[in-house]
Amino acid sequence: MDFYCHPRCSTCKKAQKWLEEREIPYTFINLLETSPSKETWVKILSGTDRTVKSFFNTSGNVYRENNLKEKVPGMSIEEAAEWLSTNGVVVKRPLAMDGDKLTVGFKEDTYAEVWAK
């Protein structure tokens, strides 16, 4: 599993603890340094029933400063993929991916359903 998160994020730390307690292996990727590629984001956004907005960190400064609240609803998948791939701070975290499985954010019941062995 690729586990994208911000090293100081408390939600990410809770998710990491949950994974480690269950001995679920993951590769930690610092989202501030490396976000999935634009091509990967296009594939994610095209292959999900989730809204584009659900992948954005709507409480972050960059989201507010760039008026993304107004822009995201009308963004194409390409535009959203560009934002998400070039600025990891706008990505809702943690983002966990393994093959066709994906979670955004951390909710214990969702992690149990998707990631428990």
PDB file of N, CA and C in Angstrom:
ATOM      1  N   MET A   1       0.844  -1.174   0.000  1.00  0.00           N
ATOM      2  CA  MET A   1       0.000   0.000   0.000  1.00  0.00           C
ATOM      3  C   MET A   1       0.888   1.235   0.000  1.00  0.00           C
ATOM      4  N   ASP A   2       0.537   2.193  -0.846  1.00  0.00           N
ATOM      5  CA  ASP A   2       1.185   3.494  -0.800  1.00  0.00           C
ATOM      6  C   ASP A   2       0.354   4.373   0.128  1.00  0.00           C
ATOM      7  N   PHE A   3       1.008   4.929   1.124  1.00  0.00           N
ATOM      8  CA  PHE A   3       0.336   5.711   2.168  1.00  0.00           C
ATOM      9  C   PHE A   3       0.882   7.131   2.109  1.00  0.00           C
ATOM     10  N   TYR A   4       0.106   8.025   1.489  1.00  0.00           N
ATOM     11  CA  TYR A   4       0.513   9.418   1.321  1.00  0.00           C
ATOM     12  C   TYR A   4      -0.026  10.233   2.481  1.00  0.00           C
ATOM     13  N   CYS A   5       0.875  10.931   3.164  1.00  0.00           N
ATOM     14  CA  CYS A   5       0.398  11.785   4.236  1.00  0.00           C
ATOM     15  C   CYS A   5       1.421  12.849   4.600  1.00  0.00           C
ATOM     16  N   HIS A   6       0.993  13.746   5.425  1.00  0.00           N
ATOM     17  CA  HIS A   6       1.826  14.819   5.963  1.00  0.00           C
ATOM     18  C   HIS A   6       2.404  14.290   7.279  1.00  0.00           C
ATOM     19  N   PRO A   7       3.714  14.365   7.460  1.00  0.00           N
ATOM     20  CA  PRO A   7       4.336  13.780   8.658  1.00  0.00           C
ATOM     21  C   PRO A   7       3.802  14.295   9.998  1.00  0.00           C
ATOM     22  N   ARG A   8       3.315  15.532  10.040  1.00  0.00           N
ATOM     23  CA  ARG A   8       2.836  16.087  11.313  1.00  0.00           C
ATOM     24  C   ARG A   8       1.325  16.030  11.470  1.00  0.00           C
ATOM     25  N   CYS A   9       0.641  15.467  10.507  1.00  0.00           N
ATOM     26  CA  CYS A   9      -0.823  15.424  10.510  1.00  0.00           C
ATOM     27  C   CYS A   9      -1.328  14.422  11.559  1.00  0.00           C
ATOM     28  N   SER A  10      -2.169  14.882  12.466  1.00  0.00           N
ATOM     29  CA  SER A  10      -2.676  14.004  13.524  1.00  0.00           C
ATOM     30  C   SER A  10      -3.584  12.904  12.961  1.00  0.00           C
ATOM     31  N   THR A  11      -4.340  13.211  11.934  1.00  0.00           N
ATOM     32  CA  THR A  11      -5.200  12.196  11.318  1.00  0.00           C
ATOM     33  C   THR A  11      -4.354  11.110  10.671  1.00  0.00           C
ATOM     34  N   CYS A  12      -3.265  11.516  10.027  1.00  0.00           N
ATOM     35  CA  CYS A  12      -2.351  10.544   9.412  1.00  0.00           C
ATOM     36  C   CYS A  12      -1.735   9.649  10.482  1.00  0.00           C
ATOM     37  N   LYS A  13      -1.362  10.252  11.602  1.00  0.00           N
ATOM     38  CA  LYS A  13      -0.758   9.473  12.687  1.00  0.00           C
ATOM     39  C   LYS A  13      -1.739   8.442  13.230  1.00  0.00           C
ATOM     40  N   LYS A  14      -3.015   8.804  13.330  1.00  0.00           N
ATOM     41  CA  LYS A  14      -4.035   7.849  13.784  1.00  0.00           C
ATOM     42  C   LYS A  14      -4.168   6.691  12.797  1.00  0.00           C
ATOM     43  N   ALA A  15      -4.154   7.025  11.510  1.00  0.00           N
ATOM     44  CA  ALA A  15      -4.261   5.987  10.479  1.00  0.00           C
ATOM     45  C   ALA A  15      -3.042   5.074  10.509  1.00  0.00           C
ATOM     46  N   GLN A  16      -1.850   5.657  10.654  1.00  0.00           N
ATOM     47  CA  GLN A  16      -0.620   4.858  10.742  1.00  0.00           C
ATOM     48  C   GLN A  16      -0.679   3.912  11.932  1.00  0.00           C
ATOM     49  N   LYS A  17      -1.111   4.418  13.064  1.00  0.00           N
ATOM     50  CA  LYS A  17      -1.207   3.597  14.263  1.00  0.00           C
ATOM     51  C   LYS A  17      -2.171   2.428  14.026  1.00  0.00           C
ATOM     52  N   TRP A  18      -3.299   2.718  13.386  1.00  0.00           N
ATOM     53  CA  TRP A  18      -4.278   1.685  13.086  1.00  0.00           C
ATOM     54  C   TRP A  18      -3.657   0.603  12.205  1.00  0.00           C
ATOM     55  N   LEU A  19      -2.944   1.013  11.158  1.00  0.00           N
ATOM     56  CA  LEU A  19      -2.299   0.053  10.255  1.00  0.00           C
ATOM     57  C   LEU A  19      -1.248  -0.777  10.983  1.00  0.00           C
ATOM     58  N   GLU A  20      -0.436  -0.124  11.783  1.00  0.00           N
ATOM     59  CA  GLU A  20       0.644  -0.817  12.489  1.00  0.00           C
ATOM     60  C   GLU A  20       0.108  -1.794  13.527  1.00  0.00           C
ATOM     61  N   GLU A  21      -0.949  -1.421  14.231  1.00  0.00           N
ATOM     62  CA  GLU A  21      -1.549  -2.327  15.219  1.00  0.00           C
ATOM     63  C   GLU A  21      -2.058  -3.606  14.564  1.00  0.00           C
ATOM     64  N   ARG A  22      -2.433  -3.515  13.302  1.00  0.00           N
ATOM     65  CA  ARG A  22      -2.953  -4.672  12.573  1.00  0.00           C
ATOM     66  C   ARG A  22      -1.904  -5.302  11.662  1.00  0.00           C
ATOM     67  N   GLU A  23      -0.681  -4.810  11.782  1.00  0.00           N
ATOM     68  CA  GLU A  23       0.450  -5.306  10.997  1.00  0.00           C
ATOM     69  C   GLU A  23       0.173  -5.295   9.496  1.00  0.00           C
ATOM     70  N   ILE A  24      -0.445  -4.220   9.042  1.00  0.00           N
ATOM     71  CA  ILE A  24      -0.721  -4.040   7.616  1.00  0.00           C
ATOM     72  C   ILE A  24       0.442  -3.230   7.036  1.00  0.00           C
ATOM     73  N   PRO A  25       1.186  -3.830   6.115  1.00  0.00           N
ATOM     74  CA  PRO A  25       2.358  -3.134   5.574  1.00  0.00           C
ATOM     75  C   PRO A  25       1.971  -1.967   4.669  1.00  0.00           C
ATOM     76  N   TYR A  26       2.787  -0.919   4.726  1.00  0.00           N
ATOM     77  CA  TYR A  26       2.555   0.240   3.870  1.00  0.00           C
ATOM     78  C   TYR A  26       3.879   0.942   3.612  1.00  0.00           C
ATOM     79  N   THR A  27       3.899   1.711   2.544  1.00  0.00           N
ATOM     80  CA  THR A  27       5.045   2.546   2.224  1.00  0.00           C
ATOM     81  C   THR A  27       4.639   3.986   2.499  1.00  0.00           C
ATOM     82  N   PHE A  28       5.308   4.615   3.451  1.00  0.00           N
ATOM     83  CA  PHE A  28       5.019   6.004   3.810  1.00  0.00           C
ATOM     84  C   PHE A  28       5.581   6.931   2.736  1.00  0.00           C
ATOM     85  N   ILE A  29       4.740   7.809   2.222  1.00  0.00           N
ATOM     86  CA  ILE A  29       5.176   8.798   1.231  1.00  0.00           C
ATOM     87  C   ILE A  29       4.754  10.167   1.738  1.00  0.00           C
ATOM     88  N   ASN A  30       5.729  11.054   1.895  1.00  0.00           N
ATOM     89  CA  ASN A  30       5.463  12.407   2.373  1.00  0.00           C
ATOM     90  C   ASN A  30       4.740  13.179   1.270  1.00  0.00           C
ATOM     91  N   LEU A  31       3.488  13.472   1.504  1.00  0.00           N
ATOM     92  CA  LEU A  31       2.648  14.145   0.525  1.00  0.00           C
ATOM     93  C   LEU A  31       3.134  15.556   0.217  1.00  0.00           C
ATOM     94  N   LEU A  32       3.846  16.161   1.136  1.00  0.00           N
ATOM     95  CA  LEU A  32       4.367  17.512   0.886  1.00  0.00           C
ATOM     96  C   LEU A  32       5.521  17.488  -0.096  1.00  0.00           C
ATOM     97  N   GLU A  33       6.165  16.337  -0.220  1.00  0.00           N
ATOM     98  CA  GLU A  33       7.293  16.196  -1.141  1.00  0.00           C
ATOM     99  C   GLU A  33       6.893  15.483  -2.435  1.00  0.00           C
ATOM    100  N   THR A  34       5.956  14.538  -2.325  1.00  0.00           N
ATOM    101  CA  THR A  34       5.590  13.715  -3.476  1.00  0.00           C
ATOM    102  C   THR A  34       4.098  13.421  -3.460  1.00  0.00           C
ATOM    103  N   SER A  35       3.413  13.923  -4.461  1.00  0.00           N
ATOM    104  CA  SER A  35       2.007  13.579  -4.655  1.00  0.00           C
ATOM    105  C   SER A  35       1.953  12.597  -5.822  1.00  0.00           C
ATOM    106  N   PRO A  36       0.902  11.800  -5.933  1.00  0.00           N
ATOM    107  CA  PRO A  36       0.792  10.959  -7.123  1.00  0.00           C
ATOM    108  C   PRO A  36       0.895  11.821  -8.390  1.00  0.00           C
ATOM    109  N   SER A  37       1.350  11.228  -9.462  1.00  0.00           N
ATOM    110  CA  SER A  37       1.522  11.951 -10.727  1.00  0.00           C
ATOM    111  C   SER A  37       0.176  12.409 -11.281  1.00  0.00           C
ATOM    112  N   LYS A  38       0.238  13.341 -12.201  1.00  0.00           N
ATOM    113  CA  LYS A  38      -0.988  13.821 -12.848  1.00  0.00           C
ATOM    114  C   LYS A  38      -1.708  12.656 -13.528  1.00  0.00           C
ATOM    115  N   GLU A  39      -0.953  11.789 -14.184  1.00  0.00           N
ATOM    116  CA  GLU A  39      -1.554  10.645 -14.863  1.00  0.00           C
ATOM    117  C   GLU A  39      -2.270   9.727 -13.869  1.00  0.00           C
ATOM    118  N   THR A  40      -1.649   9.524 -12.708  1.00  0.00           N
ATOM    119  CA  THR A  40      -2.275   8.694 -11.673  1.00  0.00           C
ATOM    120  C   THR A  40      -3.553   9.355 -11.170  1.00  0.00           C
ATOM    121  N   TRP A  41      -3.498  10.681 -10.968  1.00  0.00           N
ATOM    122  CA  TRP A  41      -4.697  11.388 -10.510  1.00  0.00           C
ATOM    123  C   TRP A  41      -5.818  11.305 -11.539  1.00  0.00           C
ATOM    124  N   VAL A  42      -5.479  11.426 -12.812  1.00  0.00           N
ATOM    125  CA  VAL A  42      -6.509  11.313 -13.851  1.00  0.00           C
ATOM    126  C   VAL A  42      -7.168   9.940 -13.765  1.00  0.00           C
ATOM    127  N   LYS A  43      -6.358   8.903 -13.590  1.00  0.00           N
ATOM    128  CA  LYS A  43      -6.893   7.541 -13.473  1.00  0.00           C
ATOM    129  C   LYS A  43      -7.778   7.409 -12.228  1.00  0.00           C
ATOM    130  N   ILE A  44      -7.316   7.951 -11.095  1.00  0.00           N
ATOM    131  CA  ILE A  44      -8.095   7.885  -9.848  1.00  0.00           C
ATOM    132  C   ILE A  44      -9.426   8.615 -10.025  1.00  0.00           C
ATOM    133  N   LEU A  45      -9.361   9.855 -10.492  1.00  0.00           N
ATOM    134  CA  LEU A  45     -10.562  10.684 -10.598  1.00  0.00           C
ATOM    135  C   LEU A  45     -11.537  10.152 -11.643  1.00  0.00           C
ATOM    136  N   SER A  46     -11.021   9.533 -12.694  1.00  0.00           N
ATOM    137  CA  SER A  46     -11.879   8.976 -13.754  1.00  0.00           C
ATOM    138  C   SER A  46     -12.529   7.671 -13.329  1.00  0.00           C
ATOM    139  N   GLY A  47     -11.891   6.955 -12.423  1.00  0.00           N
ATOM    140  CA  GLY A  47     -12.367   5.621 -12.068  1.00  0.00           C
ATOM    141  C   GLY A  47     -13.088   5.535 -10.743  1.00  0.00           C
ATOM    142  N   THR A  48     -13.580   6.655 -10.242  1.00  0.00           N
ATOM    143  CA  THR A  48     -14.248   6.627  -8.950  1.00  0.00           C
ATOM    144  C   THR A  48     -15.620   7.274  -9.036  1.00  0.00           C
ATOM    145  N   ASP A  49     -16.483   6.905  -8.096  1.00  0.00           N
ATOM    146  CA  ASP A  49     -17.779   7.575  -8.012  1.00  0.00           C
ATOM    147  C   ASP A  49     -17.738   8.716  -7.001  1.00  0.00           C
ATOM    148  N   ARG A  50     -16.566   8.940  -6.412  1.00  0.00           N
ATOM    149  CA  ARG A  50     -16.401  10.052  -5.471  1.00  0.00           C
ATOM    150  C   ARG A  50     -16.342  11.365  -6.242  1.00  0.00           C
ATOM    151  N   THR A  51     -16.704  12.434  -5.561  1.00  0.00           N
ATOM    152  CA  THR A  51     -16.597  13.746  -6.190  1.00  0.00           C
ATOM    153  C   THR A  51     -15.138  14.178  -6.220  1.00  0.00           C
ATOM    154  N   VAL A  52     -14.800  15.038  -7.150  1.00  0.00           N
ATOM    155  CA  VAL A  52     -13.446  15.596  -7.218  1.00  0.00           C
ATOM    156  C   VAL A  52     -13.139  16.299  -5.897  1.00  0.00           C
ATOM    157  N   LYS A  53     -14.115  17.004  -5.365  1.00  0.00           N
ATOM    158  CA  LYS A  53     -13.929  17.755  -4.120  1.00  0.00           C
ATOM    159  C   LYS A  53     -13.483  16.847  -2.969  1.00  0.00           C
ATOM    160  N   SER A  54     -13.920  15.599  -2.969  1.00  0.00           N
ATOM    161  CA  SER A  54     -13.597  14.694  -1.857  1.00  0.00           C
ATOM    162  C   SER A  54     -12.101  14.396  -1.758  1.00  0.00           C
ATOM    163  N   PHE A  55     -11.338  14.716  -2.795  1.00  0.00           N
ATOM    164  CA  PHE A  55      -9.893  14.496  -2.778  1.00  0.00           C
ATOM    165  C   PHE A  55      -9.112  15.745  -2.355  1.00  0.00           C
ATOM    166  N   PHE A  56      -9.813  16.848  -2.154  1.00  0.00           N
ATOM    167  CA  PHE A  56      -9.162  18.098  -1.776  1.00  0.00           C
ATOM    168  C   PHE A  56      -9.260  18.342  -0.271  1.00  0.00           C
ATOM    169  N   ASN A  57      -8.188  18.869   0.297  1.00  0.00           N
ATOM    170  CA  ASN A  57      -8.151  19.288   1.694  1.00  0.00           C
ATOM    171  C   ASN A  57      -8.844  20.649   1.766  1.00  0.00           C
ATOM    172  N   THR A  58     -10.134  20.624   2.030  1.00  0.00           N
ATOM    173  CA  THR A  58     -10.942  21.849   1.978  1.00  0.00           C
ATOM    174  C   THR A  58     -10.708  22.779   3.157  1.00  0.00           C
ATOM    175  N   SER A  59      -9.993  22.339   4.163  1.00  0.00           N
ATOM    176  CA  SER A  59      -9.737  23.200   5.315  1.00  0.00           C
ATOM    177  C   SER A  59      -8.348  23.833   5.282  1.00  0.00           C
ATOM    178  N   GLY A  60      -7.600  23.586   4.234  1.00  0.00           N
ATOM    179  CA  GLY A  60      -6.243  24.109   4.150  1.00  0.00           C
ATOM    180  C   GLY A  60      -6.172  25.536   3.645  1.00  0.00           C
ATOM    181  N   ASN A  61      -5.080  26.208   3.971  1.00  0.00           N
ATOM    182  CA  ASN A  61      -4.864  27.589   3.550  1.00  0.00           C
ATOM    183  C   ASN A  61      -4.800  27.730   2.035  1.00  0.00           C
ATOM    184  N   VAL A  62      -4.101  26.817   1.370  1.00  0.00           N
ATOM    185  CA  VAL A  62      -3.955  26.908  -0.083  1.00  0.00           C
ATOM    186  C   VAL A  62      -5.325  26.804  -0.754  1.00  0.00           C
ATOM    187  N   TYR A  63      -6.178  25.953  -0.233  1.00  0.00           N
ATOM    188  CA  TYR A  63      -7.535  25.801  -0.760  1.00  0.00           C
ATOM    189  C   TYR A  63      -8.284  27.127  -0.653  1.00  0.00           C
ATOM    190  N   ARG A  64      -8.196  27.755   0.513  1.00  0.00           N
ATOM    191  CA  ARG A  64      -8.891  29.030   0.729  1.00  0.00           C
ATOM    192  C   ARG A  64      -8.254  30.165  -0.066  1.00  0.00           C
ATOM    193  N   GLU A  65      -6.931  30.260  -0.015  1.00  0.00           N
ATOM    194  CA  GLU A  65      -6.216  31.358  -0.674  1.00  0.00           C
ATOM    195  C   GLU A  65      -6.422  31.367  -2.187  1.00  0.00           C
ATOM    196  N   ASN A  66      -6.613  30.207  -2.775  1.00  0.00           N
ATOM    197  CA  ASN A  66      -6.800  30.108  -4.217  1.00  0.00           C
ATOM    198  C   ASN A  66      -8.267  30.015  -4.629  1.00  0.00           C
ATOM    199  N   ASN A  67      -9.154  30.254  -3.664  1.00  0.00           N
ATOM    200  CA  ASN A  67     -10.594  30.237  -3.915  1.00  0.00           C
ATOM    201  C   ASN A  67     -11.035  28.936  -4.593  1.00  0.00           C
ATOM    202  N   LEU A  68     -10.436  27.837  -4.153  1.00  0.00           N
ATOM    203  CA  LEU A  68     -10.755  26.545  -4.765  1.00  0.00           C
ATOM    204  C   LEU A  68     -12.179  26.099  -4.473  1.00  0.00           C
ATOM    205  N   LYS A  69     -12.779  26.631  -3.420  1.00  0.00           N
ATOM    206  CA  LYS A  69     -14.181  26.301  -3.118  1.00  0.00           C
ATOM    207  C   LYS A  69     -15.068  26.633  -4.319  1.00  0.00           C
ATOM    208  N   GLU A  70     -14.753  27.746  -4.968  1.00  0.00           N
ATOM    209  CA  GLU A  70     -15.525  28.164  -6.139  1.00  0.00           C
ATOM    210  C   GLU A  70     -15.069  27.448  -7.406  1.00  0.00           C
ATOM    211  N   LYS A  71     -13.789  27.090  -7.484  1.00  0.00           N
ATOM    212  CA  LYS A  71     -13.217  26.529  -8.708  1.00  0.00           C
ATOM    213  C   LYS A  71     -13.398  25.018  -8.851  1.00  0.00           C
ATOM    214  N   VAL A  72     -13.273  24.285  -7.744  1.00  0.00           N
ATOM    215  CA  VAL A  72     -13.280  22.815  -7.811  1.00  0.00           C
ATOM    216  C   VAL A  72     -14.554  22.243  -8.440  1.00  0.00           C
ATOM    217  N   PRO A  73     -15.749  22.741  -8.069  1.00  0.00           N
ATOM    218  CA  PRO A  73     -16.950  22.130  -8.663  1.00  0.00           C
ATOM    219  C   PRO A  73     -16.995  22.171 -10.194  1.00  0.00           C
ATOM    220  N   GLY A  74     -16.378  23.168 -10.811  1.00  0.00           N
ATOM    221  CA  GLY A  74     -16.395  23.262 -12.262  1.00  0.00           C
ATOM    222  C   GLY A  74     -15.136  22.756 -12.947  1.00  0.00           C
ATOM    223  N   MET A  75     -14.208  22.215 -12.156  1.00  0.00           N
ATOM    224  CA  MET A  75     -12.938  21.745 -12.723  1.00  0.00           C
ATOM    225  C   MET A  75     -13.115  20.469 -13.525  1.00  0.00           C
ATOM    226  N   SER A  76     -12.353  20.402 -14.602  1.00  0.00           N
ATOM    227  CA  SER A  76     -12.284  19.143 -15.340  1.00  0.00           C
ATOM    228  C   SER A  76     -11.386  18.193 -14.550  1.00  0.00           C
ATOM    229  N   ILE A  77     -11.420  16.929 -14.899  1.00  0.00           N
ATOM    230  CA  ILE A  77     -10.544  15.955 -14.256  1.00  0.00           C
ATOM    231  C   ILE A  77      -9.087  16.336 -14.480  1.00  0.00           C
ATOM    232  N   GLU A  78      -8.771  16.813 -15.675  1.00  0.00           N
ATOM    233  CA  GLU A  78      -7.394  17.235 -15.990  1.00  0.00           C
ATOM    234  C   GLU A  78      -6.943  18.386 -15.085  1.00  0.00           C
ATOM    235  N   GLU A  79      -7.812  19.373 -14.910  1.00  0.00           N
ATOM    236  CA  GLU A  79      -7.470  20.524 -14.052  1.00  0.00           C
ATOM    237  C   GLU A  79      -7.289  20.093 -12.601  1.00  0.00           C
ATOM    238  N   ALA A  80      -8.194  19.265 -12.116  1.00  0.00           N
ATOM    239  CA  ALA A  80      -8.090  18.779 -10.738  1.00  0.00           C
ATOM    240  C   ALA A  80      -6.820  17.956 -10.562  1.00  0.00           C
ATOM    241  N   ALA A  81      -6.520  17.106 -11.529  1.00  0.00           N
ATOM    242  CA  ALA A  81      -5.314  16.276 -11.469  1.00  0.00           C
ATOM    243  C   ALA A  81      -4.066  17.143 -11.428  1.00  0.00           C
ATOM    244  N   GLU A  82      -4.068  18.232 -12.155  1.00  0.00           N
ATOM    245  CA  GLU A  82      -2.927  19.157 -12.147  1.00  0.00           C
ATOM    246  C   GLU A  82      -2.731  19.756 -10.752  1.00  0.00           C
ATOM    247  N   TRP A  83      -3.808  20.237 -10.151  1.00  0.00           N
ATOM    248  CA  TRP A  83      -3.718  20.800  -8.795  1.00  0.00           C
ATOM    249  C   TRP A  83      -3.214  19.756  -7.793  1.00  0.00           C
ATOM    250  N   LEU A  84      -3.824  18.573  -7.822  1.00  0.00           N
ATOM    251  CA  LEU A  84      -3.507  17.536  -6.843  1.00  0.00           C
ATOM    252  C   LEU A  84      -2.096  16.989  -7.013  1.00  0.00           C
ATOM    253  N   SER A  85      -1.605  16.942  -8.238  1.00  0.00           N
ATOM    254  CA  SER A  85      -0.278  16.378  -8.478  1.00  0.00           C
ATOM    255  C   SER A  85       0.848  17.367  -8.200  1.00  0.00           C
ATOM    256  N   THR A  86       0.560  18.650  -8.295  1.00  0.00           N
ATOM    257  CA  THR A  86       1.628  19.641  -8.136  1.00  0.00           C
ATOM    258  C   THR A  86       1.667  20.306  -6.775  1.00  0.00           C
ATOM    259  N   ASN A  87       0.663  20.066  -5.954  1.00  0.00           N
ATOM    260  CA  ASN A  87       0.631  20.704  -4.639  1.00  0.00           C
ATOM    261  C   ASN A  87       0.006  19.743  -3.626  1.00  0.00           C
ATOM    262  N   GLY A  88       0.852  18.896  -3.041  1.00  0.00           N
ATOM    263  CA  GLY A  88       0.375  17.868  -2.119  1.00  0.00           C
ATOM    264  C   GLY A  88      -0.398  18.392  -0.932  1.00  0.00           C
ATOM    265  N   VAL A  89      -0.194  19.658  -0.588  1.00  0.00           N
ATOM    266  CA  VAL A  89      -0.890  20.216   0.566  1.00  0.00           C
ATOM    267  C   VAL A  89      -2.395  20.347   0.311  1.00  0.00           C
ATOM    268  N   VAL A  90      -2.827  20.339  -0.950  1.00  0.00           N
ATOM    269  CA  VAL A  90      -4.260  20.431  -1.235  1.00  0.00           C
ATOM    270  C   VAL A  90      -4.947  19.067  -1.238  1.00  0.00           C
ATOM    271  N   VAL A  91      -4.172  17.989  -1.106  1.00  0.00           N
ATOM    272  CA  VAL A  91      -4.734  16.638  -1.116  1.00  0.00           C
ATOM    273  C   VAL A  91      -5.270  16.288   0.269  1.00  0.00           C
ATOM    274  N   LYS A  92      -6.502  15.778   0.312  1.00  0.00           N
ATOM    275  CA  LYS A  92      -7.068  15.303   1.578  1.00  0.00           C
ATOM    276  C   LYS A  92      -6.246  14.106   2.023  1.00  0.00           C
ATOM    277  N   ARG A  93      -5.898  14.076   3.267  1.00  0.00           N
ATOM    278  CA  ARG A  93      -5.001  13.032   3.761  1.00  0.00           C
ATOM    279  C   ARG A  93      -5.578  12.311   4.969  1.00  0.00           C
ATOM    280  N   PRO A  94      -5.057  11.118   5.189  1.00  0.00           N
ATOM    281  CA  PRO A  94      -4.137  10.369   4.353  1.00  0.00           C
ATOM    282  C   PRO A  94      -4.831   9.804   3.117  1.00  0.00           C
ATOM    283  N   LEU A  95      -4.020   9.595   2.100  1.00  0.00           N
ATOM    284  CA  LEU A  95      -4.465   8.958   0.869  1.00  0.00           C
ATOM    285  C   LEU A  95      -3.751   7.610   0.827  1.00  0.00           C
ATOM    286  N   ALA A  96      -4.516   6.531   0.851  1.00  0.00           N
ATOM    287  CA  ALA A  96      -3.935   5.186   0.829  1.00  0.00           C
ATOM    288  C   ALA A  96      -4.418   4.459  -0.420  1.00  0.00           C
ATOM    289  N   MET A  97      -3.458   3.874  -1.148  1.00  0.00           N
ATOM    290  CA  MET A  97      -3.796   3.198  -2.404  1.00  0.00           C
ATOM    291  C   MET A  97      -3.034   1.898  -2.521  1.00  0.00           C
ATOM    292  N   ASP A  98      -3.730   0.889  -3.026  1.00  0.00           N
ATOM    293  CA  ASP A  98      -3.099  -0.398  -3.306  1.00  0.00           C
ATOM    294  C   ASP A  98      -3.921  -1.079  -4.391  1.00  0.00           C
ATOM    295  N   GLY A  99      -3.407  -1.070  -5.596  1.00  0.00           N
ATOM    296  CA  GLY A  99      -4.164  -1.645  -6.702  1.00  0.00           C
ATOM    297  C   GLY A  99      -5.446  -0.874  -6.924  1.00  0.00           C
ATOM    298  N   ASP A 100      -6.560  -1.561  -6.872  1.00  0.00           N
ATOM    299  CA  ASP A 100      -7.864  -0.919  -7.071  1.00  0.00           C
ATOM    300  C   ASP A 100      -8.462  -0.381  -5.774  1.00  0.00           C
ATOM    301  N   LYS A 101      -7.801  -0.622  -4.654  1.00  0.00           N
ATOM    302  CA  LYS A 101      -8.323  -0.149  -3.368  1.00  0.00           C
ATOM    303  C   LYS A 101      -7.775   1.238  -3.063  1.00  0.00           C
ATOM    304  N   LEU A 102      -8.636   2.102  -2.508  1.00  0.00           N
ATOM    305  CA  LEU A 102      -8.261   3.471  -2.216  1.00  0.00           C
ATOM    306  C   LEU A 102      -9.103   4.003  -1.065  1.00  0.00           C
ATOM    307  N   THR A 103      -8.452   4.711  -0.148  1.00  0.00           N
ATOM    308  CA  THR A 103      -9.185   5.450   0.884  1.00  0.00           C
ATOM    309  C   THR A 103      -8.623   6.863   0.947  1.00  0.00           C
ATOM    310  N   VAL A 104      -9.496   7.795   1.305  1.00  0.00           N
ATOM    311  CA  VAL A 104      -9.121   9.197   1.459  1.00  0.00           C
ATOM    312  C   VAL A 104      -9.597   9.625   2.836  1.00  0.00           C
ATOM    313  N   GLY A 105      -8.684  10.197   3.627  1.00  0.00           N
ATOM    314  CA  GLY A 105      -9.026  10.530   5.002  1.00  0.00           C
ATOM    315  C   GLY A 105      -8.921   9.277   5.852  1.00  0.00           C
ATOM    316  N   PHE A 106      -9.278   9.407   7.123  1.00  0.00           N
ATOM    317  CA  PHE A 106      -9.225   8.241   7.999  1.00  0.00           C
ATOM    318  C   PHE A 106     -10.501   8.119   8.804  1.00  0.00           C
ATOM    319  N   LYS A 107     -11.196   7.029   8.558  1.00  0.00           N
ATOM    320  CA  LYS A 107     -12.330   6.624   9.377  1.00  0.00           C
ATOM    321  C   LYS A 107     -12.092   5.161   9.684  1.00  0.00           C
ATOM    322  N   GLU A 108     -12.100   4.832  10.952  1.00  0.00           N
ATOM    323  CA  GLU A 108     -11.743   3.482  11.383  1.00  0.00           C
ATOM    324  C   GLU A 108     -12.591   2.410  10.708  1.00  0.00           C
ATOM    325  N   ASP A 109     -13.904   2.638  10.600  1.00  0.00           N
ATOM    326  CA  ASP A 109     -14.761   1.617   9.991  1.00  0.00           C
ATOM    327  C   ASP A 109     -14.443   1.425   8.510  1.00  0.00           C
ATOM    328  N   THR A 110     -14.099   2.508   7.823  1.00  0.00           N
ATOM    329  CA  THR A 110     -13.720   2.400   6.412  1.00  0.00           C
ATOM    330  C   THR A 110     -12.409   1.643   6.267  1.00  0.00           C
ATOM    331  N   TYR A 111     -11.433   1.965   7.120  1.00  0.00           N
ATOM    332  CA  TYR A 111     -10.156   1.252   7.078  1.00  0.00           C
ATOM    333  C   TYR A 111     -10.362  -0.235   7.352  1.00  0.00           C
ATOM    334  N   ALA A 112     -11.215  -0.563   8.307  1.00  0.00           N
ATOM    335  CA  ALA A 112     -11.479  -1.958   8.632  1.00  0.00           C
ATOM    336  C   ALA A 112     -12.090  -2.685   7.431  1.00  0.00           C
ATOM    337  N   GLU A 113     -12.982  -2.010   6.738  1.00  0.00           N
ATOM    338  CA  GLU A 113     -13.633  -2.614   5.577  1.00  0.00           C
ATOM    339  C   GLU A 113     -12.668  -2.786   4.402  1.00  0.00           C
ATOM    340  N   VAL A 114     -11.812  -1.788   4.179  1.00  0.00           N
ATOM    341  CA  VAL A 114     -10.955  -1.791   2.990  1.00  0.00           C
ATOM    342  C   VAL A 114      -9.617  -2.472   3.236  1.00  0.00           C
ATOM    343  N   TRP A 115      -8.989  -2.225   4.385  1.00  0.00           N
ATOM    344  CA  TRP A 115      -7.601  -2.633   4.585  1.00  0.00           C
ATOM    345  C   TRP A 115      -7.372  -3.817   5.519  1.00  0.00           C
ATOM    346  N   ALA A 116      -8.362  -4.180   6.339  1.00  0.00           N
ATOM    347  CA  ALA A 116      -8.143  -5.296   7.262  1.00  0.00           C
ATOM    348  C   ALA A 116      -7.923  -6.587   6.480  1.00  0.00           C
ATOM    349  N   LYS A 117      -7.004  -7.397   6.961  1.00  0.00           N
ATOM    350  CA  LYS A 117      -6.659  -8.661   6.283  1.00  0.00           C
ATOM    351  C   LYS A 117      -7.773  -9.653   6.403  1.00  0.00           C
TER     352      LYS A 117
END
